[in-house]
Amino acid sequence: MRHLDLQVITQALEWARDGETLWLCTVLSTYGSSPRAPGSLLVARGDGRYIGSLSGGCVEDAFIEALRDGVFNQPATVVRYGESQEESQRLQLPCGGVLEVLVERHEANDEWMTHLEVLAATLLGQKRLVRRVELASGRYRVTLDAQHNGPTVERERREGEREPSAVRVRVGPALRLILAGISPVAQYCAEFARTLGYEVIVCDPREEQRRGFSVEGVEVQAILPSLFISSGACHEATAIVALTHDPRIDDLAMIEAVRTPAFYIGVMGSQQTSQKRAARLARSGGLTDEQIARIHMPIGLDLGSKAPAEIALAVVADVMRVYNGKTTMTMDDEKAAVDVV
């Protein structure tokens, strides 16, 4: 899940507490090109205000128009956008794409608000759930996700029926990037990651570094990154990267990072610097070979990067590669890294 989805659920909870009837939209499937993946969320009020994204603009406008016309008065409705040639042209879906969306209508009540609170806690990393919605009645419930893998959206069909009777949507922690220390590369990393939908948290105890850092929507903690990491701030959808070239910040962050379930841990430095760091982490930090192997060092994809923005692009691209379960683009993993002195 993306940080935008957490914002959707947080806003939905706030509106529900104000007594608003809400329409929660979930992307079920995409065909062709689509900027939002299955499981992506949007919530809207009856007056047309909304937060979240389904397609990047065109589908949202069509949905809000239909909502104001009273189209979505059923507890649950599945709607397909871009299916006909006329609709594809009107909605301007890219590459002839088709988008299938579940639209749920919910009045404000205690049960609905409790459900939203559970979803918010899930996106913050407390657990992984499966959300099941019956399409005829709109009834919903959540269960623990025992598999921790598989498709984000699944359809349930009764025997002998072609149309699904319910959908199951996996809900997991929202993507989080922890930047251990501030540097020019870290600044660009924060900007790129925010664009990609990450929650970004920057930790640096140095006042002079914090004074020059400003990225909209990024949380800054005036604390040693190692202390923040060890506080329980990491979950399985967390990436931790250290980009300062200061061992007092980078090494301590790595020592704590390998004790977390973070899916990506990386630190900047040349091959020679990385070898020295590995020896230092084993000798002074007490890390095992297995723990050190979790650390991407040197960090990033081999893009020939030199400038801070280029290095940041290589770092964020590598984080996304690992999150999406892709292998490196080269045969030699040692070469598939940014060699920064």
Protein backbone atom coordinates (compact mmCIF):
# COMPACT_ATOMS: atom_id res chain seq x y z
CA MET A 1 0.00 0.00 0.00
CA ARG A 2 1.04 3.61 -0.53
CA HIS A 3 1.08 6.46 1.99
CA LEU A 4 -1.76 8.07 -0.01
CA ASP A 5 -3.98 5.13 1.00
CA LEU A 6 -3.25 5.87 4.67
CA GLN A 7 -4.27 9.48 4.05
CA VAL A 8 -7.49 8.20 2.47
CA ILE A 9 -8.43 6.10 5.49
CA THR A 10 -7.39 8.82 7.95
CA GLN A 11 -9.57 11.37 6.16
CA ALA A 12 -12.44 8.89 5.88
CA LEU A 13 -12.32 8.36 9.64
CA GLU A 14 -12.38 12.11 10.25
CA TRP A 15 -15.36 12.61 7.93
CA ALA A 16 -17.21 9.63 9.45
CA ARG A 17 -16.76 11.11 12.91
CA ASP A 18 -18.38 14.26 11.55
CA GLY A 19 -21.41 12.19 10.52
CA GLU A 20 -20.71 12.17 6.76
CA THR A 21 -21.98 9.41 4.48
CA LEU A 22 -18.97 8.17 2.53
CA TRP A 23 -18.19 6.33 -0.69
CA LEU A 24 -15.06 4.20 -0.43
CA CYS A 25 -13.57 3.18 -3.79
CA THR A 26 -11.07 0.35 -4.26
CA VAL A 27 -9.31 -0.45 -7.53
CA LEU A 28 -10.05 -4.12 -8.19
CA SER A 29 -8.22 -4.66 -11.45
CA THR A 30 -6.59 -2.86 -14.35
CA TYR A 31 -6.24 -3.86 -17.98
CA GLY A 32 -3.70 -2.10 -20.14
CA SER A 33 -1.86 0.87 -18.69
CA SER A 34 -2.98 2.33 -15.37
CA PRO A 35 -1.19 4.64 -12.92
CA ARG A 36 -2.77 3.03 -9.83
CA ALA A 37 -2.45 -0.61 -8.82
CA PRO A 38 -5.17 -2.96 -7.54
CA GLY A 39 -5.98 -2.17 -3.92
CA SER A 40 -5.57 1.60 -4.36
CA LEU A 41 -8.13 3.70 -2.50
CA LEU A 42 -10.24 6.84 -2.83
CA VAL A 43 -12.91 8.17 -0.47
CA ALA A 44 -15.54 10.77 -1.35
CA ARG A 45 -18.34 12.67 0.34
CA GLY A 46 -21.74 13.42 -1.13
CA ASP A 47 -20.73 17.01 -1.92
CA GLY A 48 -17.97 15.78 -4.25
CA ARG A 49 -14.99 16.34 -1.98
CA TYR A 50 -12.55 13.44 -2.15
CA ILE A 51 -9.05 12.30 -1.34
CA GLY A 52 -7.09 9.54 -3.04
CA SER A 53 -6.64 8.49 -6.63
CA LEU A 54 -7.97 5.87 -9.03
CA SER A 55 -6.40 6.86 -12.31
CA GLY A 56 -4.69 10.20 -11.95
CA GLY A 57 -7.67 12.40 -12.83
CA CYS A 58 -9.95 11.24 -15.64
CA VAL A 59 -11.80 8.47 -13.80
CA GLU A 60 -12.09 10.55 -10.65
CA ASP A 61 -14.03 13.24 -12.53
CA ALA A 62 -16.40 10.67 -14.04
CA PHE A 63 -16.93 9.04 -10.65
CA ILE A 64 -17.72 12.31 -8.87
CA GLU A 65 -20.13 13.31 -11.64
CA ALA A 66 -21.97 9.98 -11.30
CA LEU A 67 -21.95 10.26 -7.51
CA ARG A 68 -23.65 13.66 -7.65
CA ASP A 69 -26.22 12.19 -10.04
CA GLY A 70 -27.15 9.58 -7.43
CA VAL A 71 -25.74 6.59 -9.32
CA PHE A 72 -24.03 4.91 -6.36
CA ASN A 73 -26.85 4.48 -3.87
CA GLN A 74 -26.38 0.73 -3.46
CA PRO A 75 -24.24 -0.63 -0.58
CA ALA A 76 -21.71 -1.97 -3.10
CA THR A 77 -21.29 -1.45 -6.84
CA VAL A 78 -18.61 -2.65 -9.25
CA VAL A 79 -18.05 -0.25 -12.14
CA ARG A 80 -15.74 -0.54 -15.15
CA TYR A 81 -14.22 2.56 -16.74
CA GLY A 82 -12.82 2.74 -20.28
CA GLU A 83 -14.46 -0.47 -21.48
CA SER A 84 -16.12 0.97 -24.60
CA GLN A 85 -14.28 2.87 -27.30
CA GLU A 86 -16.40 5.96 -26.66
CA GLU A 87 -15.70 5.84 -22.93
CA SER A 88 -11.99 5.23 -23.47
CA GLN A 89 -11.77 8.37 -25.59
CA ARG A 90 -13.86 10.44 -23.17
CA LEU A 91 -11.93 9.32 -20.10
CA GLN A 92 -8.59 9.34 -21.91
CA LEU A 93 -7.42 6.16 -20.21
CA PRO A 94 -3.81 5.51 -21.28
CA CYS A 95 -3.00 2.72 -23.75
CA GLY A 96 -6.64 1.69 -24.01
CA GLY A 97 -6.68 0.73 -20.36
CA VAL A 98 -9.74 -0.52 -18.48
CA LEU A 99 -10.22 0.08 -14.77
CA GLU A 100 -12.54 -1.93 -12.50
CA VAL A 101 -13.52 -0.24 -9.24
CA LEU A 102 -15.51 -1.33 -6.19
CA VAL A 103 -17.64 1.53 -4.84
CA GLU A 104 -19.03 1.10 -1.29
CA ARG A 105 -21.56 3.42 0.31
CA HIS A 106 -21.32 3.73 4.10
CA GLU A 107 -23.33 5.84 6.50
CA ALA A 108 -21.57 7.06 9.64
CA ASN A 109 -22.00 4.67 12.56
CA ASP A 110 -19.88 3.08 15.28
CA GLU A 111 -19.26 -0.14 13.34
CA TRP A 112 -17.98 1.72 10.26
CA MET A 113 -15.73 3.99 12.33
CA THR A 114 -14.26 1.01 14.15
CA HIS A 115 -13.60 -0.65 10.80
CA LEU A 116 -11.78 2.46 9.57
CA GLU A 117 -9.71 2.56 12.76
CA VAL A 118 -8.63 -1.04 12.16
CA LEU A 119 -7.65 -0.23 8.56
CA ALA A 120 -5.66 2.81 9.70
CA ALA A 121 -3.77 0.72 12.25
CA THR A 122 -3.03 -1.87 9.56
CA LEU A 123 -1.59 0.73 7.20
CA LEU A 124 0.58 2.01 10.04
CA GLY A 125 2.18 -1.42 10.23
CA GLN A 126 0.51 -3.13 13.16
CA LYS A 127 -0.64 -6.20 11.21
CA ARG A 128 -1.67 -7.54 7.80
CA LEU A 129 -5.35 -8.13 7.11
CA VAL A 130 -7.71 -9.38 4.44
CA ARG A 131 -10.78 -7.23 3.92
CA ARG A 132 -13.81 -9.15 2.53
CA VAL A 133 -16.77 -7.29 1.00
CA GLU A 134 -20.00 -9.00 -0.12
CA LEU A 135 -21.08 -7.41 -3.39
CA ALA A 136 -24.83 -7.94 -2.96
CA SER A 137 -25.20 -6.62 0.59
CA GLY A 138 -22.07 -4.52 1.05
CA ARG A 139 -21.33 -6.32 4.33
CA TYR A 140 -17.66 -6.29 5.26
CA ARG A 141 -15.29 -7.93 7.70
CA VAL A 142 -11.56 -8.28 8.24
CA THR A 143 -9.44 -11.30 9.12
CA LEU A 144 -5.73 -11.76 9.68
CA ASP A 145 -3.79 -12.41 6.49
CA ALA A 146 -2.36 -15.86 7.05
CA GLN A 147 -0.60 -16.06 3.67
CA HIS A 148 1.25 -12.71 3.63
CA ASN A 149 1.50 -13.03 -0.14
CA GLY A 150 -0.58 -13.66 -3.23
CA PRO A 151 -2.63 -11.20 -5.28
CA THR A 152 -3.84 -7.99 -3.68
CA VAL A 153 -7.41 -8.54 -4.89
CA GLU A 154 -9.21 -11.89 -5.16
CA ARG A 155 -12.76 -12.69 -6.23
CA GLU A 156 -15.01 -15.27 -4.61
CA ARG A 157 -17.53 -17.10 -6.82
CA ARG A 158 -20.26 -19.45 -5.71
CA GLU A 159 -20.42 -22.79 -7.48
CA GLY A 160 -22.18 -22.46 -10.80
CA GLU A 161 -22.11 -18.64 -10.88
CA ARG A 162 -20.05 -16.60 -13.32
CA GLU A 163 -20.10 -13.32 -11.42
CA PRO A 164 -18.22 -12.98 -8.12
CA SER A 165 -20.23 -12.85 -4.91
CA ALA A 166 -17.51 -11.14 -2.87
CA VAL A 167 -14.05 -9.63 -3.17
CA ARG A 168 -11.09 -10.03 -0.86
CA VAL A 169 -8.56 -7.19 -0.64
CA ARG A 170 -5.24 -7.59 1.14
CA VAL A 171 -4.37 -4.60 3.31
CA GLY A 172 -0.82 -4.22 4.58
CA PRO A 173 1.52 -1.56 5.92
CA ALA A 174 1.95 1.58 3.84
CA LEU A 175 5.38 2.06 2.28
CA ARG A 176 7.77 3.95 4.56
CA LEU A 177 11.26 5.31 3.92
CA ILE A 178 13.49 6.21 6.85
CA LEU A 179 16.41 8.43 5.88
CA ALA A 180 19.23 8.10 8.38
CA GLY A 181 20.74 11.57 8.33
CA ILE A 182 20.46 14.57 6.02
CA SER A 183 22.66 15.11 2.98
CA PRO A 184 22.16 16.46 -0.56
CA VAL A 185 21.45 12.92 -1.74
CA ALA A 186 18.97 12.38 1.09
CA GLN A 187 17.12 15.56 0.10
CA TYR A 188 16.52 14.25 -3.41
CA CYS A 189 15.67 10.77 -2.08
CA ALA A 190 12.95 12.31 0.06
CA GLU A 191 11.50 14.16 -2.92
CA PHE A 192 11.52 11.10 -5.19
CA ALA A 193 10.06 8.81 -2.52
CA ARG A 194 7.23 11.22 -1.72
CA THR A 195 6.35 11.34 -5.41
CA LEU A 196 6.17 7.53 -5.42
CA GLY A 197 3.77 7.50 -2.48
CA TYR A 198 6.13 6.70 0.40
CA GLU A 199 5.76 8.02 3.90
CA VAL A 200 9.17 9.62 4.44
CA ILE A 201 10.76 10.16 7.86
CA VAL A 202 14.12 11.88 8.18
CA CYS A 203 16.18 11.53 11.37
CA ASP A 204 19.14 13.76 12.15
CA PRO A 205 20.27 15.18 15.51
CA ARG A 206 22.38 17.90 13.83
CA GLU A 207 20.57 21.23 13.98
CA GLU A 208 22.62 22.79 11.18
CA GLN A 209 21.62 19.98 8.80
CA ARG A 210 17.94 20.15 9.74
CA ARG A 211 17.93 23.90 9.24
CA GLY A 212 18.68 23.51 5.53
CA PHE A 213 16.26 20.65 4.88
CA SER A 214 12.74 21.24 3.60
CA VAL A 215 10.58 18.77 1.67
CA GLU A 216 6.81 19.13 1.81
CA GLY A 217 5.07 16.28 3.60
CA VAL A 218 8.28 14.81 5.08
CA GLU A 219 8.52 14.29 8.83
CA VAL A 220 11.80 15.37 10.42
CA GLN A 221 12.91 13.90 13.74
CA ALA A 222 15.69 15.61 15.75
CA ILE A 223 17.09 12.32 16.95
CA LEU A 224 19.85 9.87 16.11
CA PRO A 225 18.52 7.57 13.38
CA SER A 226 19.65 4.52 15.35
CA LEU A 227 17.48 5.54 18.30
CA PHE A 228 14.44 6.10 16.09
CA ILE A 229 14.95 2.79 14.29
CA SER A 230 15.31 0.87 17.55
CA SER A 231 12.09 2.44 18.93
CA GLY A 232 9.91 0.10 16.88
CA ALA A 233 9.30 2.51 13.99
CA CYS A 234 9.99 -0.10 11.31
CA HIS A 235 7.68 -2.68 9.77
CA GLU A 236 7.95 -5.03 6.79
CA ALA A 237 7.14 -2.26 4.29
CA THR A 238 9.95 -0.01 5.58
CA ALA A 239 13.14 0.90 3.74
CA ILE A 240 16.09 2.34 5.68
CA VAL A 241 18.87 4.17 3.86
CA ALA A 242 21.91 6.01 5.20
CA LEU A 243 23.47 8.58 2.87
CA THR A 244 25.64 10.88 4.99
CA HIS A 245 29.16 9.36 4.71
CA ASP A 246 29.38 9.86 8.50
CA PRO A 247 30.09 6.52 10.25
CA ARG A 248 28.77 7.92 13.51
CA ILE A 249 25.35 8.14 11.89
CA ASP A 250 25.48 5.52 9.12
CA ASP A 251 27.09 2.64 11.06
CA LEU A 252 24.86 2.98 14.11
CA ALA A 253 21.80 3.09 11.85
CA MET A 254 22.86 -0.12 10.11
CA ILE A 255 23.46 -1.91 13.42
CA GLU A 256 19.87 -1.23 14.46
CA ALA A 257 18.35 -1.62 10.98
CA VAL A 258 19.34 -5.28 10.58
CA ARG A 259 17.37 -6.08 13.75
CA THR A 260 14.12 -4.87 12.14
CA PRO A 261 11.82 -6.48 9.53
CA ALA A 262 12.64 -3.70 7.01
CA PHE A 263 12.55 -5.00 3.43
CA TYR A 264 15.46 -2.79 2.31
CA ILE A 265 18.56 -1.59 4.19
CA GLY A 266 21.29 0.33 2.41
CA VAL A 267 24.22 2.66 3.00
CA MET A 268 26.22 4.84 0.62
CA GLY A 269 29.93 4.36 -0.03
CA SER A 270 32.44 3.01 -2.52
CA GLN A 271 33.35 -0.67 -2.75
CA GLN A 272 36.43 -0.03 -0.62
CA THR A 273 34.45 1.98 1.93
CA SER A 274 31.79 -0.72 2.05
CA GLN A 275 34.36 -3.45 2.72
CA LYS A 276 35.83 -1.43 5.59
CA ARG A 277 32.33 -0.77 6.94
CA ALA A 278 31.44 -4.47 6.82
CA ALA A 279 34.57 -5.31 8.85
CA ARG A 280 33.76 -2.51 11.28
CA LEU A 281 30.15 -3.65 11.71
CA ALA A 282 31.31 -7.18 12.45
CA ARG A 283 34.10 -6.12 14.81
CA SER A 284 32.51 -3.23 16.71
CA GLY A 285 28.83 -3.78 16.04
CA GLY A 286 28.82 -7.51 16.59
CA LEU A 287 26.86 -8.19 13.40
CA THR A 288 26.86 -11.65 11.87
CA ASP A 289 27.65 -12.38 8.23
CA GLU A 290 23.94 -12.98 7.65
CA GLN A 291 23.01 -9.59 9.09
CA ILE A 292 25.70 -7.80 7.08
CA ALA A 293 24.45 -9.53 3.93
CA ARG A 294 21.11 -7.79 4.37
CA ILE A 295 22.75 -4.41 3.84
CA HIS A 296 22.95 -3.05 0.30
CA MET A 297 26.42 -1.51 0.16
CA PRO A 298 27.27 0.09 -2.12
CA ILE A 299 23.68 1.21 -2.44
CA GLY A 300 21.65 1.72 -5.60
CA LEU A 301 21.44 0.57 -9.21
CA ASP A 302 24.29 1.09 -11.63
CA LEU A 303 23.03 4.12 -13.54
CA GLY A 304 26.43 5.78 -13.88
CA SER A 305 25.27 8.28 -11.27
CA LYS A 306 27.52 11.13 -10.17
CA ALA A 307 25.39 14.15 -9.14
CA PRO A 308 23.31 13.97 -5.92
CA ALA A 309 20.00 13.81 -7.79
CA GLU A 310 21.27 10.99 -10.01
CA ILE A 311 22.53 9.01 -7.01
CA ALA A 312 19.19 9.51 -5.26
CA LEU A 313 17.37 8.25 -8.34
CA ALA A 314 19.56 5.12 -8.36
CA VAL A 315 18.88 4.55 -4.65
CA VAL A 316 15.09 4.94 -4.86
CA ALA A 317 14.99 2.80 -8.00
CA ASP A 318 16.81 0.02 -6.18
CA VAL A 319 14.43 0.26 -3.23
CA MET A 320 11.48 -0.13 -5.60
CA ARG A 321 13.21 -3.02 -7.39
CA VAL A 322 13.54 -4.96 -4.15
CA TYR A 323 10.01 -4.11 -3.02
CA ASN A 324 8.61 -5.36 -6.33
CA GLY A 325 10.67 -8.55 -6.14
CA LYS A 326 12.76 -7.86 -9.24
CA THR A 327 16.34 -8.98 -9.77
CA THR A 328 19.08 -6.59 -10.79
CA MET A 329 19.51 -5.67 -14.42
CA THR A 330 23.09 -7.00 -14.54
CA MET A 331 24.56 -10.43 -13.97
CA ASP A 332 27.06 -9.19 -11.42
CA ASP A 333 25.43 -7.86 -8.25
CA GLU A 334 28.61 -6.07 -7.26
CA LYS A 335 28.51 -4.05 -10.46
CA ALA A 336 24.82 -3.27 -10.06
CA ALA A 337 25.49 -0.54 -7.51
CA VAL A 338 26.41 3.08 -7.39
CA ASP A 339 30.09 3.33 -6.55
CA VAL A 340 30.29 6.56 -4.57
CA VAL A 341 33.46 7.65 -2.78
